[in-house]
Amino acid sequence: MKDAMHTGSVHSWVDNPQNLGAVYPFVGWEIVMAGLGLFFWIAWVVWQLRQENATYRAEAESLRKMNLEEVICRADTSVGTRIYRPTDKTGSSAPTN
């Protein structure tokens, strides 16, 4: 009677493991799979760099269109920190939010 659960060449757990051979799928494809993995990793890195550069260029362009006060206020609200200025337009040295 054939077992429902079959583990490849393992028929008994009392055998010597050195006699079993490879117990993983796609034996003989290691170099091809490593090459494919390297290719897809390099392709992903190139794609990621292009996406990040496009985002950086878009953000830099939008910041160039603003004046310094708008950039500081935008950074203040996006990060959630308070910017301390020595004096504001009223002469007060209180932190701005």
Foldseek 3Di string as FASTA:
>chain_A
DDDPDDQPQDPDPVDDVVVSPDRDPPPPCPVVVVVVVVVVVVVVVVVVVVVVVVVVVVVVVVVVVDDPVVVVVVVCVVVVHWDFDCQDPVRDRDIDD
